[in-house]
Amino acid sequence: MSEQSGTVVCPGSYDPVTNGHIDIITRTSNVFERVVVGVVNNPVRKAKTLFAAEERKAFIEEATAELPNVEVQIFANLLVEFARDNEAKAIVKGLRAISDFEYEFEMAQLNRKLDPGIESIYVIASPHYSFLSSTGVKEMATFGGDVSDLVPPAVATALGERLGDR
């Protein structure tokens, strides 16, 4: 594909952003003209985030600094409203396993009901990231595991500082 076109959003809690997330964002940036990474301010599925939304945004901005068509925003409204606000024609998410598909299938149907003009597009995780989750990374870091090859350097440092003494 030689031409990039349109705007898409890549939403998530990114608590914390992993190299798997960065891989999906990077691959998406090769296809679309503008990629808006949407950091959910207060995720519904999580009681409390380890990192504040501004911290998560900063981690992603640093990790994607060399991708000129990627921008990062915090949002606290419905995903389709966020997509509309950014004039996005699609929502892009990564899929690792069947369990991701089941949840994302339901969300895609709900989003389509809210706005049939915004497509849901899924990018399959690269094999070396198919096991990777923010939850798993936090658990590893809590017990002193080396996560430096799983997350961007700033995230690895922050995880060590925040969770290293538990």
Protein backbone atom coordinates (compact mmCIF):
# COMPACT_ATOMS: atom_id res chain seq x y z
CA MET A 1 0.00 0.00 0.00
CA SER A 2 1.70 3.17 -1.14
CA GLU A 3 -0.80 5.84 -0.17
CA GLN A 4 -2.01 6.64 3.30
CA SER A 5 -5.45 8.08 3.74
CA GLY A 6 -7.74 9.24 6.48
CA THR A 7 -7.73 9.48 10.22
CA VAL A 8 -8.15 6.60 12.65
CA VAL A 9 -8.18 6.36 16.42
CA CYS A 10 -6.33 3.71 18.44
CA PRO A 11 -8.02 3.73 21.85
CA GLY A 12 -6.93 2.07 25.05
CA SER A 13 -6.14 2.49 28.70
CA TYR A 14 -2.41 1.93 28.01
CA ASP A 15 -1.73 1.32 31.71
CA PRO A 16 1.09 1.03 30.88
CA VAL A 17 1.79 1.16 27.17
CA THR A 18 3.69 -1.93 26.04
CA ASN A 19 5.87 -2.65 23.03
CA GLY A 20 2.89 -4.58 21.67
CA HIS A 21 0.81 -1.39 21.74
CA ILE A 22 3.64 0.53 20.07
CA ASP A 23 3.86 -2.16 17.38
CA ILE A 24 0.12 -1.82 16.59
CA ILE A 25 0.36 2.00 16.57
CA THR A 26 3.45 1.91 14.32
CA ARG A 27 1.90 -0.53 11.87
CA THR A 28 -1.29 1.54 11.79
CA SER A 29 0.73 4.70 11.12
CA ASN A 30 2.10 3.03 7.99
CA VAL A 31 -1.43 2.67 6.60
CA PHE A 32 -3.26 5.80 7.69
CA GLU A 33 -2.50 9.47 7.20
CA ARG A 34 -3.28 10.44 10.81
CA VAL A 35 -3.36 8.18 13.87
CA VAL A 36 -4.87 9.56 17.05
CA VAL A 37 -3.97 7.43 20.03
CA GLY A 38 -6.80 7.86 22.52
CA VAL A 39 -5.86 7.35 26.16
CA VAL A 40 -8.95 6.57 28.20
CA ASN A 41 -8.96 8.91 31.19
CA ASN A 42 -10.80 6.62 33.61
CA PRO A 43 -11.25 3.13 32.15
CA VAL A 44 -14.56 1.50 33.02
CA ARG A 45 -13.11 -2.02 33.17
CA LYS A 46 -10.39 -1.09 35.67
CA ALA A 47 -10.91 0.06 39.24
CA LYS A 48 -7.85 2.31 39.31
CA THR A 49 -4.97 2.89 36.96
CA LEU A 50 -1.36 2.64 38.07
CA PHE A 51 -0.41 5.69 36.02
CA ALA A 52 -2.39 8.90 35.64
CA ALA A 53 -3.74 9.69 32.18
CA GLU A 54 -1.15 12.45 31.66
CA GLU A 55 1.67 10.01 32.49
CA ARG A 56 0.29 7.40 30.08
CA LYS A 57 -0.03 10.06 27.38
CA ALA A 58 3.59 11.17 27.93
CA PHE A 59 4.88 7.58 27.71
CA ILE A 60 3.15 7.09 24.36
CA GLU A 61 4.29 10.46 23.02
CA GLU A 62 7.90 9.62 23.87
CA ALA A 63 7.67 6.13 22.37
CA THR A 64 6.07 7.40 19.14
CA ALA A 65 8.09 10.61 18.78
CA GLU A 66 9.58 9.43 15.48
CA LEU A 67 6.14 8.82 13.95
CA PRO A 68 5.11 12.24 12.59
CA ASN A 69 1.53 11.22 11.82
CA VAL A 70 0.77 9.99 15.37
CA GLU A 71 -0.72 12.20 18.05
CA VAL A 72 -1.90 11.31 21.54
CA GLN A 73 -5.00 12.64 23.28
CA ILE A 74 -6.77 11.85 26.52
CA PHE A 75 -10.50 11.26 26.27
CA ALA A 76 -13.35 10.68 28.71
CA ASN A 77 -16.40 10.31 26.45
CA LEU A 78 -17.83 7.56 24.28
CA LEU A 79 -15.30 6.16 21.84
CA VAL A 80 -17.45 6.94 18.80
CA GLU A 81 -17.80 10.54 20.00
CA PHE A 82 -14.02 10.75 20.37
CA ALA A 83 -13.64 9.33 16.85
CA ARG A 84 -16.18 11.83 15.48
CA ASP A 85 -14.43 14.72 17.27
CA ASN A 86 -11.24 13.74 15.44
CA GLU A 87 -13.00 13.14 12.11
CA ALA A 88 -11.82 9.53 12.19
CA LYS A 89 -13.27 7.06 9.75
CA ALA A 90 -12.22 4.04 11.78
CA ILE A 91 -11.27 2.67 15.17
CA VAL A 92 -8.18 0.44 15.13
CA LYS A 93 -7.42 -2.08 17.85
CA GLY A 94 -4.98 -4.94 18.25
CA LEU A 95 -6.04 -8.54 18.78
CA ARG A 96 -3.88 -11.06 20.60
CA ALA A 97 -6.15 -14.03 21.23
CA ILE A 98 -9.67 -15.39 20.90
CA SER A 99 -10.60 -13.81 24.25
CA ASP A 100 -9.75 -10.38 22.80
CA PHE A 101 -11.92 -11.14 19.79
CA GLU A 102 -14.97 -12.00 21.89
CA TYR A 103 -14.84 -8.73 23.81
CA GLU A 104 -13.95 -6.62 20.77
CA PHE A 105 -16.70 -8.21 18.68
CA GLU A 106 -19.28 -7.03 21.21
CA MET A 107 -17.74 -3.53 21.40
CA ALA A 108 -17.62 -3.25 17.60
CA GLN A 109 -21.32 -4.07 17.37
CA LEU A 110 -22.20 -1.48 20.02
CA ASN A 111 -20.01 1.16 18.35
CA ARG A 112 -21.58 0.37 14.97
CA LYS A 113 -25.03 0.88 16.48
CA LEU A 114 -23.94 4.28 17.81
CA ASP A 115 -22.33 5.33 14.53
CA PRO A 116 -22.51 3.04 11.48
CA GLY A 117 -20.17 5.37 9.60
CA ILE A 118 -17.16 4.53 11.78
CA GLU A 119 -15.56 1.19 10.97
CA SER A 120 -13.81 -1.11 13.43
CA ILE A 121 -10.50 -2.45 12.11
CA TYR A 122 -8.39 -5.06 13.89
CA VAL A 123 -4.67 -5.60 13.58
CA ILE A 124 -3.39 -9.01 14.64
CA ALA A 125 -0.57 -8.81 17.19
CA SER A 126 2.90 -9.67 15.97
CA PRO A 127 3.82 -13.17 17.19
CA HIS A 128 6.44 -11.98 19.66
CA TYR A 129 3.83 -9.68 21.32
CA SER A 130 0.83 -12.01 21.24
CA PHE A 131 1.28 -12.89 24.93
CA LEU A 132 1.90 -9.35 26.11
CA SER A 133 -0.56 -7.44 28.28
CA SER A 134 -0.32 -4.40 30.52
CA THR A 135 -1.63 -6.49 33.40
CA GLY A 136 1.05 -9.14 32.90
CA VAL A 137 3.76 -6.50 32.70
CA LYS A 138 2.58 -4.90 35.96
CA GLU A 139 2.53 -8.29 37.69
CA MET A 140 6.06 -9.08 36.50
CA ALA A 141 7.33 -5.67 37.62
CA THR A 142 5.63 -6.03 41.02
CA PHE A 143 7.69 -9.14 41.72
CA GLY A 144 10.95 -7.76 40.37
CA GLY A 145 10.82 -9.30 36.91
CA ASP A 146 12.75 -7.67 34.08
CA VAL A 147 10.24 -5.95 31.80
CA SER A 148 12.78 -3.87 29.87
CA ASP A 149 12.19 -5.76 26.62
CA LEU A 150 8.39 -5.58 26.96
CA VAL A 151 7.84 -1.83 27.39
CA PRO A 152 9.45 1.42 26.26
CA PRO A 153 12.46 2.47 28.39
CA ALA A 154 10.62 5.28 30.23
CA VAL A 155 7.86 2.86 31.21
CA ALA A 156 10.36 0.27 32.49
CA THR A 157 11.96 2.93 34.66
CA ALA A 158 8.63 4.19 35.97
CA LEU A 159 7.43 0.66 36.74
CA GLY A 160 10.63 0.01 38.69
CA GLU A 161 10.14 3.19 40.68
CA ARG A 162 6.44 2.65 41.31
CA LEU A 163 6.33 -1.11 41.86
CA GLY A 164 9.89 -2.12 42.66
CA ASP A 165 9.55 -1.89 46.43
CA ARG A 166 6.35 -3.94 46.81
